[in-house]
Amino acid sequence: MAPSTPVPELAPLTPGATRVLDAASRLFYERGIHAVGVDTIAEAAGVTKKTLYDRFGSKEALVVSYLQHRDARWRIHLAEHLSRVPDPGTDRILAVFDAAIAWSDENSPKGCSAINARAEIGDGHDGHPVFPEVARQKTWLLALFAELCQEAGASDADLMSKTMMLLYEGAIVTVGMETFDEPFAVARRLARVLLEQDPARQYS
C-alpha cells in the first residue's frame, strides 16, 4: 500500500468479534499482552472463550488484530491532519508530528502499542506473528516520511526521512517512559530546525 493512501483495508468483524477486539485492545494496551489472558478478555467482552477462538483462532492472532486495527485508526487520524496541509513542504512534514501530538494525548499515554508489544514479546519467540506486523507498520511510516521529504525537495530525502523517523520514534518511546513532558512538541521543533537548514532550501 502506497503511503499516499494510508488507511489499510481490514476485514469486517462480526458483533461478537468486535466486542472481543474492543476488550482486548483496551486490556492489552493498559495492562500488557502477557498480563491479560483469554479468560479475562472473554469475560470483559461478554462472550465465551469458544467465541473468542472461533473469531480469532488464537491469542497471538488477536494481538495482531489489535495492532492492525489500532494502526488503522492512527492512519485515519494522520490522513486527516495531512489533508489540512496539501502543499509539499516543511508544514506538511511537520503535520505528522502535529497528528502525533493530538493522538498521543488522547490515545497513547503509554507510548506506541507496536513498540510495547514487540518489547514485551522479546527475542525469545522467533516467528511470532507480531514481529512482521510491527515491522510493516514502521516500514510504512518511514516510507511516508520519504515520500513527504521527496515531495518537499529535500537535498537528501533518504537521510532526511530517516532523521524524521528517528525523531518520531524517539518521541513516542519518551511518551511511554514519561522522561519529560511533551516529547512530540520537542521533536517537532527539532524537525523544523533540520528541515529549514537543508541546503536545498526548497521547503515552504
Protein backbone atom coordinates (compact mmCIF):
# COMPACT_ATOMS: atom_id res chain seq x y z
CA MET A 1 0.00 0.00 0.00
CA ALA A 2 1.37 3.38 -1.00
CA PRO A 3 1.93 5.85 1.81
CA SER A 4 -0.29 8.35 -0.02
CA THR A 5 -3.25 6.03 0.71
CA PRO A 6 -2.54 5.50 4.39
CA VAL A 7 -5.60 3.60 5.66
CA PRO A 8 -5.36 -0.20 5.31
CA GLU A 9 -8.42 -2.23 4.45
CA LEU A 10 -9.36 -4.70 7.18
CA ALA A 11 -11.88 -7.49 7.04
CA PRO A 12 -15.23 -6.62 8.64
CA LEU A 13 -15.88 -8.08 12.07
CA THR A 14 -18.99 -9.70 13.49
CA PRO A 15 -20.57 -8.02 16.54
CA GLY A 16 -19.08 -10.69 18.78
CA ALA A 17 -15.63 -10.28 17.27
CA THR A 18 -15.89 -6.52 17.67
CA ARG A 19 -16.65 -6.89 21.37
CA VAL A 20 -13.69 -9.22 21.78
CA LEU A 21 -11.35 -6.90 19.91
CA ASP A 22 -12.52 -3.81 21.79
CA ALA A 23 -11.99 -5.51 25.13
CA ALA A 24 -8.65 -6.99 24.12
CA SER A 25 -7.41 -3.68 22.74
CA ARG A 26 -8.16 -1.85 25.97
CA LEU A 27 -6.71 -4.58 28.18
CA PHE A 28 -3.60 -5.24 26.09
CA TYR A 29 -2.72 -1.56 25.99
CA GLU A 30 -3.44 -0.82 29.64
CA ARG A 31 -2.05 -3.99 31.24
CA GLY A 32 0.23 -5.61 28.68
CA ILE A 33 -0.12 -8.67 26.49
CA HIS A 34 1.32 -11.28 28.85
CA ALA A 35 -0.67 -9.97 31.83
CA VAL A 36 -4.01 -10.49 30.08
CA GLY A 37 -5.35 -13.97 29.41
CA VAL A 38 -8.14 -15.06 27.13
CA ASP A 39 -10.41 -15.72 30.12
CA THR A 40 -10.14 -12.07 31.15
CA ILE A 41 -10.76 -10.87 27.60
CA ALA A 42 -13.78 -13.11 27.11
CA GLU A 43 -15.28 -12.01 30.41
CA ALA A 44 -14.73 -8.32 29.61
CA ALA A 45 -16.28 -8.79 26.16
CA GLY A 46 -19.25 -10.73 27.49
CA VAL A 47 -18.56 -13.75 25.28
CA THR A 48 -17.35 -17.30 25.78
CA LYS A 49 -13.79 -18.43 25.18
CA LYS A 50 -15.16 -20.53 22.32
CA THR A 51 -16.45 -17.38 20.63
CA LEU A 52 -13.07 -15.74 21.04
CA TYR A 53 -11.24 -18.67 19.48
CA ASP A 54 -13.88 -19.11 16.76
CA ARG A 55 -13.43 -15.49 15.70
CA PHE A 56 -9.66 -15.10 16.02
CA GLY A 57 -8.15 -18.59 16.24
CA SER A 58 -5.53 -17.81 18.87
CA LYS A 59 -4.39 -15.18 21.32
CA GLU A 60 -1.46 -14.39 19.02
CA ALA A 61 -3.82 -13.67 16.13
CA LEU A 62 -5.92 -11.48 18.41
CA VAL A 63 -2.82 -9.47 19.34
CA VAL A 64 -2.04 -8.93 15.66
CA SER A 65 -5.63 -7.83 15.01
CA TYR A 66 -5.38 -5.41 17.94
CA LEU A 67 -2.25 -3.86 16.45
CA GLN A 68 -3.73 -3.72 12.94
CA HIS A 69 -6.94 -2.02 14.00
CA ARG A 70 -5.13 0.45 16.23
CA ASP A 71 -2.78 1.26 13.36
CA ALA A 72 -5.76 1.77 11.05
CA ARG A 73 -7.27 4.27 13.48
CA TRP A 74 -3.94 6.12 13.68
CA ARG A 75 -3.67 6.28 9.89
CA ILE A 76 -7.17 7.73 9.58
CA HIS A 77 -6.22 10.33 12.16
CA LEU A 78 -2.95 11.05 10.34
CA ALA A 79 -4.65 11.32 6.96
CA GLU A 80 -6.99 13.95 8.36
CA HIS A 81 -4.03 16.05 9.54
CA LEU A 82 -2.19 15.67 6.23
CA SER A 83 -5.30 16.73 4.32
CA ARG A 84 -5.15 20.10 6.09
CA VAL A 85 -1.71 20.78 4.60
CA PRO A 86 -1.99 19.68 0.96
CA ASP A 87 1.06 21.55 -0.40
CA PRO A 88 4.51 19.89 -0.18
CA GLY A 89 6.96 21.45 2.24
CA THR A 90 8.00 21.78 5.85
CA ASP A 91 4.49 22.21 7.21
CA ARG A 92 3.26 19.02 5.56
CA ILE A 93 6.12 17.02 7.07
CA LEU A 94 5.51 18.62 10.44
CA ALA A 95 1.84 17.66 10.16
CA VAL A 96 2.91 14.10 11.04
CA PHE A 97 4.21 15.41 14.35
CA ASP A 98 1.08 17.52 14.85
CA ALA A 99 -1.03 14.40 14.33
CA ALA A 100 1.12 12.50 16.81
CA ILE A 101 0.75 15.23 19.43
CA ALA A 102 -3.04 15.07 19.22
CA TRP A 103 -3.08 11.26 19.05
CA SER A 104 -0.76 10.64 21.98
CA ASP A 105 -2.70 12.98 24.24
CA GLU A 106 -5.92 11.02 23.75
CA ASN A 107 -4.91 7.53 22.66
CA SER A 108 -1.32 6.70 23.59
CA PRO A 109 -0.39 7.78 27.12
CA LYS A 110 1.70 4.61 27.45
CA GLY A 111 3.53 5.08 24.17
CA CYS A 112 3.39 3.07 20.95
CA SER A 113 1.34 -0.13 21.09
CA ALA A 114 3.51 -1.75 18.40
CA ILE A 115 6.79 -0.96 20.17
CA ASN A 116 5.33 -2.06 23.50
CA ALA A 117 4.14 -5.35 22.03
CA ARG A 118 7.46 -6.02 20.32
CA ALA A 119 9.38 -5.30 23.51
CA GLU A 120 7.08 -7.39 25.68
CA ILE A 121 7.25 -10.45 23.47
CA GLY A 122 11.05 -10.20 23.26
CA ASP A 123 13.60 -12.04 21.17
CA GLY A 124 12.92 -15.50 22.54
CA HIS A 125 9.84 -16.01 20.37
CA ASP A 126 11.16 -16.27 16.80
CA GLY A 127 8.37 -16.46 14.27
CA HIS A 128 5.81 -14.68 16.44
CA PRO A 129 3.26 -13.03 14.12
CA VAL A 130 3.58 -9.71 15.95
CA PHE A 131 7.12 -9.17 14.65
CA PRO A 132 6.26 -8.78 10.92
CA GLU A 133 3.21 -6.68 11.80
CA VAL A 134 5.31 -4.22 13.80
CA ALA A 135 7.92 -4.13 11.03
CA ARG A 136 5.19 -3.45 8.46
CA GLN A 137 3.84 -0.51 10.42
CA LYS A 138 7.24 1.07 10.99
CA THR A 139 8.35 0.50 7.38
CA TRP A 140 5.18 2.17 6.18
CA LEU A 141 5.77 5.26 8.33
CA LEU A 142 9.36 5.55 7.10
CA ALA A 143 8.10 5.32 3.52
CA LEU A 144 5.61 8.09 4.26
CA PHE A 145 8.36 10.34 5.60
CA ALA A 146 10.43 9.54 2.49
CA GLU A 147 7.53 10.47 0.23
CA LEU A 148 6.92 13.74 2.06
CA CYS A 149 10.61 14.67 2.02
CA GLN A 150 10.90 13.87 -1.68
CA GLU A 151 7.83 15.97 -2.47
CA ALA A 152 9.29 18.82 -0.43
CA GLY A 153 12.50 18.79 -2.47
CA ALA A 154 14.92 17.67 0.23
CA SER A 155 18.55 17.57 -0.92
CA ASP A 156 18.85 14.06 0.55
CA ALA A 157 15.32 12.72 1.03
CA ASP A 158 16.54 9.33 2.22
CA LEU A 159 18.65 10.80 5.01
CA MET A 160 16.05 13.40 5.93
CA SER A 161 13.25 10.84 6.12
CA LYS A 162 15.32 8.59 8.38
CA THR A 163 16.11 11.60 10.57
CA MET A 164 12.40 12.44 10.85
CA MET A 165 11.69 8.80 11.70
CA LEU A 166 14.29 8.82 14.46
CA LEU A 167 12.80 11.99 15.95
CA TYR A 168 9.30 10.49 15.76
CA GLU A 169 10.26 7.14 17.27
CA GLY A 170 12.35 8.76 19.99
CA ALA A 171 9.40 10.93 20.93
CA ILE A 172 6.90 8.10 21.11
CA VAL A 173 9.20 5.99 23.29
CA THR A 174 9.70 9.01 25.55
CA VAL A 175 5.91 9.36 25.86
CA GLY A 176 5.74 5.86 27.31
CA MET A 177 8.74 6.38 29.57
CA GLU A 178 7.44 9.76 30.81
CA THR A 179 11.01 11.09 30.79
CA PHE A 180 9.82 14.64 30.19
CA ASP A 181 6.68 16.45 29.12
CA GLU A 182 5.56 16.95 25.51
CA PRO A 183 8.26 14.96 23.70
CA PHE A 184 6.48 15.24 20.35
CA ALA A 185 6.46 19.03 20.65
CA VAL A 186 10.22 18.92 21.23
CA ALA A 187 10.68 16.53 18.29
CA ARG A 188 8.59 18.84 16.11
CA ARG A 189 10.79 21.84 16.95
CA LEU A 190 13.93 19.87 16.17
CA ALA A 191 12.39 18.62 12.92
CA ARG A 192 11.64 22.19 11.82
CA VAL A 193 15.21 23.29 12.54
CA LEU A 194 16.64 20.42 10.49
CA LEU A 195 14.23 20.93 7.60
CA GLU A 196 14.94 24.66 7.44
CA GLN A 197 18.70 24.02 7.44
CA ASP A 198 18.51 21.73 4.42
CA PRO A 199 20.90 23.01 1.72
CA ALA A 200 18.19 22.72 -0.92
CA ARG A 201 16.19 25.43 0.87
CA GLN A 202 13.11 24.38 -1.09
CA TYR A 203 10.84 23.91 1.89
CA SER A 204 7.94 26.30 2.29
